[in-house]
Amino acid sequence: MYSTIRPGQKWLDTEGKPIQAHGFSVFYNENAKLYYWFGENKEYTHSGGADWHWGVRLYASADLYNWKDCGLIIPPTPENLALPTHPTYAFERPHILYCPKTDKYVAWIKVMCGFSNQYMCIMQADSFEGPYEMLKPAYHPLQMDSGDFTLHFDRETQKGYIIFERPHFALICAELSEDFTEVNGKYSTHFSGLYPPHTREAPAYFERRGKKYLFTSGTTGYFPNPTKVCTFTDFHGEYTDLGDPCINDTYHISFNSQISCVLKVPDTDLYIACADRWLPYDWVPEKARETIEKFEKDFESYKPDLTPRTPQPLPGKECRHAENTCESGYVWLPIEWDGDMPKLRWYNEWKIEDFI
């Protein structure tokens, strides 16, 4: 049993197994009175192997420390290479949004097949736990390639939004249709003209005291880089860059992590930045500047292909992957505030109760 959060250290579920929910979201289920954590199951993802994922796994907790494995809510389809859920394809960063108009749970999942073919898989279910029906296996919102993203239902406007990276060029904020299964055509462009490693990706949205915030990372693959935070009042208005929120982050690599989502603890003013540590063991922080400089050099003459996208058939064959994310870990840190500026400070160990 855990009684503290220990960023970067191995986190086991209640059965003693490593938690496998990466590129994840965490939220409080008011009906169940439980926290839900769901993300990519990487238990079979080894360097040189053919499995990028093994479905989407769900965990539940009453205290944010101890997590019970609730199984796969979106299983892989290892028998069918024609579906994006086949484990060989990059099936990433699942987000699930409840649609009040249809009383359905709508899942959007990023799918990547090569550098220039990135799109969304959209699924739907009657309950959060599934089963999920495939609606759109290869959807290009606004006929754009779509990378890392976040979904949000805004109570003020009563609209759903998707904020996604248009690789590797800009951040797009688009309104969802009334049933949340596609975009409605209205969108805005932000932080355009930035190339890796400066392109903004991995957006994580949250609100506090009437202000809207977005954490984003740069673009350096699985290598860590500086986080930035911006604020705005209108989803399609100006996004004001507030800079790097990390305090005393020696190597400017977000404490060797990439923020995936932000959790607000109910009935408190505690917000938690929940991040993946994709390279937990073999990453040498001293090489951070070298890595960023390499990306700058590799992309100094890059020109993005912005032609309208149409769905392309999946390769139909297993792919081998260099990534070894099976043992990737997690970094959860409390957000502290300097006025309206969110700050992140490193703690080797901390308790929820000390921040509420």
Protein backbone atom coordinates (compact mmCIF):
# COMPACT_ATOMS: atom_id res chain seq x y z
CA MET A 1 0.00 0.00 0.00
CA TYR A 2 1.21 3.48 -0.90
CA SER A 3 0.60 6.55 1.25
CA THR A 4 2.62 9.05 -0.84
CA ILE A 5 3.33 9.92 -4.48
CA ARG A 6 6.95 9.33 -5.50
CA PRO A 7 7.64 11.00 -8.88
CA GLY A 8 9.81 8.99 -11.22
CA GLN A 9 9.86 5.88 -9.05
CA LYS A 10 8.32 2.59 -10.10
CA TRP A 11 4.55 2.65 -9.47
CA LEU A 12 2.84 -0.71 -8.99
CA ASP A 13 -0.87 -1.47 -9.05
CA THR A 14 -2.67 -3.25 -6.20
CA GLU A 15 -1.61 -6.62 -7.66
CA GLY A 16 2.07 -5.62 -7.61
CA LYS A 17 2.40 -5.10 -11.37
CA PRO A 18 3.77 -1.94 -13.06
CA ILE A 19 0.99 0.45 -14.03
CA GLN A 20 0.60 0.40 -17.82
CA ALA A 21 -1.37 3.50 -18.83
CA HIS A 22 0.82 5.90 -20.82
CA GLY A 23 -0.06 9.03 -22.81
CA PHE A 24 -2.87 9.11 -20.31
CA SER A 25 -5.78 10.98 -18.73
CA VAL A 26 -6.90 11.01 -15.10
CA PHE A 27 -10.29 12.23 -13.90
CA TYR A 28 -12.69 11.87 -11.00
CA ASN A 29 -15.77 9.75 -11.64
CA GLU A 30 -18.42 11.40 -9.45
CA ASN A 31 -20.88 8.51 -9.79
CA ALA A 32 -18.38 5.84 -8.76
CA LYS A 33 -16.58 8.14 -6.26
CA LEU A 34 -13.32 6.93 -7.77
CA TYR A 35 -10.44 8.37 -9.75
CA TYR A 36 -9.97 6.82 -13.20
CA TRP A 37 -6.59 6.63 -14.94
CA PHE A 38 -6.51 5.29 -18.50
CA GLY A 39 -3.89 5.19 -21.22
CA GLU A 40 -1.77 3.13 -23.60
CA ASN A 41 -0.91 -0.35 -22.38
CA LYS A 42 2.78 -0.82 -23.22
CA GLU A 43 3.42 -4.12 -21.47
CA TYR A 44 4.69 -5.78 -24.67
CA THR A 45 6.43 -2.76 -26.24
CA HIS A 46 10.12 -3.65 -26.46
CA SER A 47 12.87 -2.33 -28.74
CA GLY A 48 12.89 -4.30 -31.97
CA GLY A 49 9.44 -5.74 -31.37
CA ALA A 50 6.27 -5.44 -33.43
CA ASP A 51 3.89 -4.32 -30.66
CA TRP A 52 3.52 -0.57 -30.15
CA HIS A 53 0.59 -1.01 -27.77
CA TRP A 54 -1.71 -3.62 -26.31
CA GLY A 55 -4.96 -1.67 -26.05
CA VAL A 56 -6.14 0.97 -23.59
CA ARG A 57 -6.00 0.00 -19.91
CA LEU A 58 -8.05 1.47 -17.06
CA TYR A 59 -7.14 1.80 -13.38
CA ALA A 60 -9.30 3.01 -10.48
CA SER A 61 -8.37 4.53 -7.11
CA ALA A 62 -10.11 6.05 -4.12
CA ASP A 63 -7.01 7.88 -2.82
CA LEU A 64 -4.76 8.61 -5.87
CA TYR A 65 -2.02 6.44 -4.34
CA ASN A 66 -3.23 2.87 -4.85
CA TRP A 67 -4.59 1.84 -8.23
CA LYS A 68 -6.61 -1.26 -9.12
CA ASP A 69 -6.26 -2.71 -12.61
CA CYS A 70 -9.73 -2.71 -14.21
CA GLY A 71 -8.58 -4.30 -17.45
CA LEU A 72 -8.67 -3.19 -21.08
CA ILE A 73 -11.49 -0.85 -22.03
CA ILE A 74 -10.33 -0.81 -25.66
CA PRO A 75 -8.67 -4.13 -26.52
CA PRO A 76 -6.16 -4.63 -29.35
CA THR A 77 -7.08 -6.55 -32.48
CA PRO A 78 -3.97 -8.67 -33.16
CA GLU A 79 -5.88 -10.76 -35.69
CA ASN A 80 -6.78 -7.83 -37.96
CA LEU A 81 -4.09 -5.69 -39.61
CA ALA A 82 -6.80 -3.65 -41.36
CA LEU A 83 -7.78 -1.93 -38.10
CA PRO A 84 -5.84 0.85 -36.31
CA THR A 85 -6.27 -1.11 -33.07
CA HIS A 86 -3.81 -3.75 -34.31
CA PRO A 87 -0.89 -3.63 -31.83
CA THR A 88 1.72 -2.93 -34.51
CA TYR A 89 0.29 0.53 -35.24
CA ALA A 90 1.03 3.64 -33.16
CA PHE A 91 -2.31 3.84 -31.34
CA GLU A 92 -1.71 6.67 -28.86
CA ARG A 93 -2.97 9.19 -26.28
CA PRO A 94 -6.60 8.09 -25.87
CA HIS A 95 -9.07 10.74 -24.74
CA ILE A 96 -12.68 9.98 -23.83
CA LEU A 97 -15.40 12.64 -23.62
CA TYR A 98 -18.97 12.19 -22.42
CA CYS A 99 -21.48 13.71 -24.84
CA PRO A 100 -24.57 14.98 -22.96
CA LYS A 101 -26.59 15.34 -26.19
CA THR A 102 -26.27 11.65 -27.16
CA ASP A 103 -25.55 10.13 -23.72
CA LYS A 104 -22.55 8.41 -25.30
CA TYR A 105 -18.85 8.19 -24.44
CA VAL A 106 -16.74 9.20 -27.41
CA ALA A 107 -13.09 8.13 -27.66
CA TRP A 108 -10.56 9.83 -29.89
CA ILE A 109 -7.19 8.10 -30.32
CA LYS A 110 -4.19 9.34 -32.28
CA VAL A 111 -2.93 6.90 -34.92
CA MET A 112 0.44 7.28 -36.61
CA CYS A 113 1.67 5.27 -39.57
CA GLY A 114 4.85 6.88 -40.74
CA PHE A 115 6.03 10.47 -40.52
CA SER A 116 3.37 11.98 -42.83
CA ASN A 117 0.26 9.94 -42.06
CA GLN A 118 -1.20 10.92 -38.69
CA TYR A 119 -4.91 10.88 -38.01
CA MET A 120 -7.61 10.07 -35.46
CA CYS A 121 -9.51 6.90 -34.74
CA ILE A 122 -12.96 7.67 -33.28
CA MET A 123 -14.97 5.18 -31.25
CA GLN A 124 -18.16 5.32 -29.18
CA ALA A 125 -19.72 3.43 -26.27
CA ASP A 126 -22.80 3.48 -24.03
CA SER A 127 -20.66 3.34 -20.88
CA PHE A 128 -17.18 4.57 -20.08
CA GLU A 129 -15.90 1.02 -19.59
CA GLY A 130 -17.06 0.03 -23.09
CA PRO A 131 -17.38 -1.90 -25.29
CA TYR A 132 -16.43 0.73 -27.87
CA GLU A 133 -17.77 0.64 -31.42
CA MET A 134 -15.50 1.78 -34.25
CA LEU A 135 -17.00 4.84 -35.97
CA LYS A 136 -14.13 6.36 -37.94
CA PRO A 137 -10.94 4.29 -38.21
CA ALA A 138 -9.00 6.97 -40.13
CA TYR A 139 -10.30 10.51 -39.64
CA HIS A 140 -8.41 13.66 -40.61
CA PRO A 141 -9.97 16.62 -38.77
CA LEU A 142 -10.20 19.56 -41.20
CA GLN A 143 -8.35 17.32 -43.68
CA MET A 144 -5.21 17.85 -41.63
CA ASP A 145 -2.66 15.45 -40.21
CA SER A 146 -3.27 15.43 -36.45
CA GLY A 147 -0.73 14.64 -33.75
CA ASP A 148 -0.87 14.90 -29.95
CA PHE A 149 -4.15 16.35 -28.73
CA THR A 150 -6.57 17.02 -25.91
CA LEU A 151 -10.39 17.06 -25.71
CA HIS A 152 -12.54 19.32 -23.56
CA PHE A 153 -16.25 20.00 -22.98
CA ASP A 154 -16.69 23.62 -22.01
CA ARG A 155 -19.64 24.23 -19.69
CA GLU A 156 -19.70 27.96 -20.48
CA THR A 157 -20.06 27.60 -24.26
CA GLN A 158 -21.68 24.13 -24.08
CA LYS A 159 -19.32 23.03 -26.86
CA GLY A 160 -16.73 20.34 -27.26
CA TYR A 161 -13.21 21.22 -28.42
CA ILE A 162 -10.17 19.40 -29.69
CA ILE A 163 -6.73 21.03 -29.51
CA PHE A 164 -4.18 19.15 -31.61
CA GLU A 165 -0.75 19.53 -33.10
CA ARG A 166 -0.66 19.87 -36.86
CA PRO A 167 2.67 18.08 -37.34
CA HIS A 168 5.11 19.76 -37.25
CA PHE A 169 3.87 23.29 -37.76
CA ALA A 170 1.08 24.62 -35.53
CA LEU A 171 -1.44 24.03 -32.77
CA ILE A 172 -5.06 23.82 -33.94
CA CYS A 173 -8.15 24.42 -31.79
CA ALA A 174 -11.30 23.06 -33.48
CA GLU A 175 -14.90 22.80 -32.35
CA LEU A 176 -16.52 19.38 -32.24
CA SER A 177 -19.85 18.48 -33.78
CA GLU A 178 -22.84 18.15 -31.48
CA ASP A 179 -22.25 14.39 -31.11
CA PHE A 180 -18.46 14.84 -30.63
CA THR A 181 -17.65 12.37 -33.42
CA GLU A 182 -16.08 14.91 -35.80
CA VAL A 183 -15.24 18.61 -36.07
CA ASN A 184 -17.80 21.16 -37.25
CA GLY A 185 -15.44 23.23 -39.41
CA LYS A 186 -14.77 26.17 -37.06
CA TYR A 187 -11.16 26.33 -35.92
CA SER A 188 -8.26 28.63 -35.06
CA THR A 189 -4.48 28.33 -35.45
CA HIS A 190 -1.95 29.04 -32.70
CA PHE A 191 1.86 28.99 -32.39
CA SER A 192 2.17 28.50 -36.14
CA GLY A 193 5.45 28.37 -38.04
CA LEU A 194 7.39 26.61 -35.30
CA TYR A 195 9.44 23.60 -36.37
CA PRO A 196 10.90 20.85 -34.15
CA PRO A 197 12.13 21.04 -31.48
CA HIS A 198 10.03 24.18 -30.91
CA THR A 199 6.70 22.95 -32.33
CA ARG A 200 4.15 22.68 -29.52
CA GLU A 201 2.76 19.21 -28.85
CA ALA A 202 1.27 17.16 -25.99
CA PRO A 203 -1.33 19.83 -25.05
CA ALA A 204 -2.82 19.42 -21.55
CA TYR A 205 -5.78 21.71 -20.79
CA PHE A 206 -7.05 22.91 -17.41
CA GLU A 207 -9.00 25.81 -15.88
CA ARG A 208 -8.63 27.78 -12.66
CA ARG A 209 -10.59 30.77 -11.39
CA GLY A 210 -12.01 31.65 -14.77
CA LYS A 211 -8.71 31.37 -16.64
CA LYS A 212 -7.90 28.73 -19.23
CA TYR A 213 -4.43 27.16 -19.35
CA LEU A 214 -2.53 24.84 -21.63
CA PHE A 215 0.70 23.00 -20.89
CA THR A 216 2.61 21.94 -24.01
CA SER A 217 5.97 20.33 -24.71
CA GLY A 218 8.39 20.83 -27.55
CA THR A 219 8.90 18.17 -30.22
CA THR A 220 11.87 15.88 -29.65
CA GLY A 221 10.35 12.40 -29.96
CA TYR A 222 10.56 10.55 -26.65
CA PHE A 223 13.42 12.76 -25.46
CA PRO A 224 12.36 15.32 -22.82
CA ASN A 225 12.45 19.06 -23.41
CA PRO A 226 11.21 22.28 -21.73
CA THR A 227 7.51 22.61 -20.92
CA LYS A 228 5.68 25.85 -21.70
CA VAL A 229 2.38 27.11 -20.37
CA CYS A 230 0.01 29.56 -22.02
CA THR A 231 -3.26 31.16 -20.94
CA PHE A 232 -6.30 32.42 -22.83
CA THR A 233 -9.91 33.47 -22.29
CA ASP A 234 -11.35 32.48 -25.69
CA PHE A 235 -10.60 29.12 -27.32
CA HIS A 236 -10.21 30.91 -30.65
CA GLY A 237 -8.56 34.03 -29.24
CA GLU A 238 -4.99 34.91 -28.39
CA TYR A 239 -2.91 32.37 -26.47
CA THR A 240 -0.45 34.19 -24.21
CA ASP A 241 2.83 32.36 -23.58
CA LEU A 242 3.80 32.45 -19.88
CA GLY A 243 7.07 30.56 -20.33
CA ASP A 244 8.47 27.52 -18.55
CA PRO A 245 6.60 26.64 -15.32
CA CYS A 246 9.32 24.34 -13.97
CA ILE A 247 11.36 25.73 -11.05
CA ASN A 248 15.04 24.71 -10.68
CA ASP A 249 14.76 22.29 -13.58
CA THR A 250 18.54 22.00 -13.98
CA TYR A 251 18.63 20.62 -17.52
CA HIS A 252 15.41 22.26 -18.76
CA ILE A 253 13.76 18.93 -19.54
CA SER A 254 10.60 19.19 -17.42
CA PHE A 255 12.18 16.99 -14.74
CA ASN A 256 12.71 14.32 -17.42
CA SER A 257 9.02 14.06 -18.27
CA GLN A 258 6.23 15.17 -20.59
CA ILE A 259 2.93 16.34 -19.11
CA SER A 260 -0.01 14.31 -20.36
CA CYS A 261 -2.91 15.76 -18.37
CA VAL A 262 -3.83 17.94 -15.39
CA LEU A 263 -6.07 16.62 -12.60
CA LYS A 264 -8.03 18.91 -10.29
CA VAL A 265 -8.70 17.23 -6.94
CA PRO A 266 -12.43 17.78 -6.25
CA ASP A 267 -13.44 20.37 -3.65
CA THR A 268 -9.86 21.66 -3.34
CA ASP A 269 -7.57 24.11 -5.12
CA LEU A 270 -5.03 21.35 -5.79
CA TYR A 271 -4.11 20.71 -9.40
CA ILE A 272 -1.70 17.90 -10.28
CA ALA A 273 0.45 17.87 -13.41
CA CYS A 274 0.51 14.21 -14.47
CA ALA A 275 3.36 13.31 -16.79
CA ASP A 276 5.02 10.39 -18.55
CA ARG A 277 8.70 9.68 -18.06
CA TRP A 278 9.25 7.98 -21.39
CA LEU A 279 13.00 7.34 -20.89
CA PRO A 280 13.27 6.26 -17.28
CA TYR A 281 16.63 4.49 -17.17
CA ASP A 282 19.01 5.04 -20.08
CA TRP A 283 18.50 8.77 -20.61
CA VAL A 284 21.45 10.97 -19.65
CA PRO A 285 20.13 14.47 -18.72
CA GLU A 286 23.45 16.11 -19.57
CA LYS A 287 22.71 15.31 -23.23
CA ALA A 288 19.51 17.38 -23.28
CA ARG A 289 21.09 20.42 -24.97
CA GLU A 290 22.82 18.16 -27.48
CA THR A 291 19.52 16.47 -28.32
CA ILE A 292 17.69 19.76 -28.85
CA GLU A 293 20.49 21.11 -31.04
CA LYS A 294 20.32 17.95 -33.16
CA PHE A 295 16.59 18.45 -33.74
CA GLU A 296 17.20 22.11 -34.64
CA LYS A 297 19.81 21.07 -37.21
CA ASP A 298 17.72 18.22 -38.63
CA PHE A 299 14.71 20.50 -39.15
CA GLU A 300 16.46 23.76 -40.13
CA SER A 301 15.32 23.39 -43.77
CA TYR A 302 12.04 21.60 -42.97
CA LYS A 303 8.96 22.56 -44.96
CA PRO A 304 5.67 21.09 -43.72
CA ASP A 305 3.35 19.43 -46.21
CA LEU A 306 0.04 21.25 -45.71
CA THR A 307 -1.90 19.69 -48.57
CA PRO A 308 -5.41 18.44 -47.58
CA ARG A 309 -5.36 14.88 -46.28
CA THR A 310 -7.54 11.96 -47.28
CA PRO A 311 -7.56 8.58 -45.49
CA GLN A 312 -4.86 6.21 -46.67
CA PRO A 313 -4.97 2.43 -46.22
CA LEU A 314 -2.99 1.01 -43.34
CA PRO A 315 0.27 -0.75 -44.31
CA GLY A 316 -1.29 -4.15 -43.67
CA LYS A 317 1.92 -5.58 -42.27
CA GLU A 318 3.66 -5.67 -38.94
CA CYS A 319 6.21 -2.95 -38.25
CA ARG A 320 9.29 -3.14 -36.07
CA HIS A 321 9.80 -0.38 -33.53
CA ALA A 322 12.93 1.02 -31.93
CA GLU A 323 11.07 2.37 -28.89
CA ASN A 324 11.31 0.57 -25.56
CA THR A 325 8.50 2.13 -23.53
CA CYS A 326 7.44 -0.96 -21.56
CA GLU A 327 9.25 0.34 -18.47
CA SER A 328 8.40 4.02 -18.88
CA GLY A 329 7.39 5.67 -15.63
CA TYR A 330 5.37 8.61 -14.36
CA VAL A 331 6.01 11.99 -12.77
CA TRP A 332 3.12 13.53 -10.82
CA LEU A 333 3.75 16.93 -9.24
CA PRO A 334 1.49 19.41 -7.45
CA ILE A 335 0.95 22.72 -9.22
CA GLU A 336 1.87 25.69 -7.04
CA TRP A 337 0.82 29.24 -7.88
CA ASP A 338 2.58 32.58 -8.15
CA GLY A 339 -0.49 34.75 -8.69
CA ASP A 340 -2.01 33.36 -11.89
CA MET A 341 1.23 31.65 -12.96
CA PRO A 342 1.36 27.86 -12.40
CA LYS A 343 4.68 26.57 -11.09
CA LEU A 344 6.12 23.06 -10.86
CA ARG A 345 8.70 22.15 -8.24
CA TRP A 346 10.45 18.82 -7.85
CA TYR A 347 9.58 16.61 -4.86
CA ASN A 348 11.10 13.19 -4.33
CA GLU A 349 7.99 12.30 -2.36
CA TRP A 350 4.81 14.19 -1.45
CA LYS A 351 1.32 13.73 -0.03
CA ILE A 352 -1.99 15.01 -1.34
CA GLU A 353 -2.96 16.06 2.17
CA ASP A 354 -0.06 18.53 2.39
CA PHE A 355 -1.41 20.59 -0.52
CA ILE A 356 -5.10 20.86 0.22
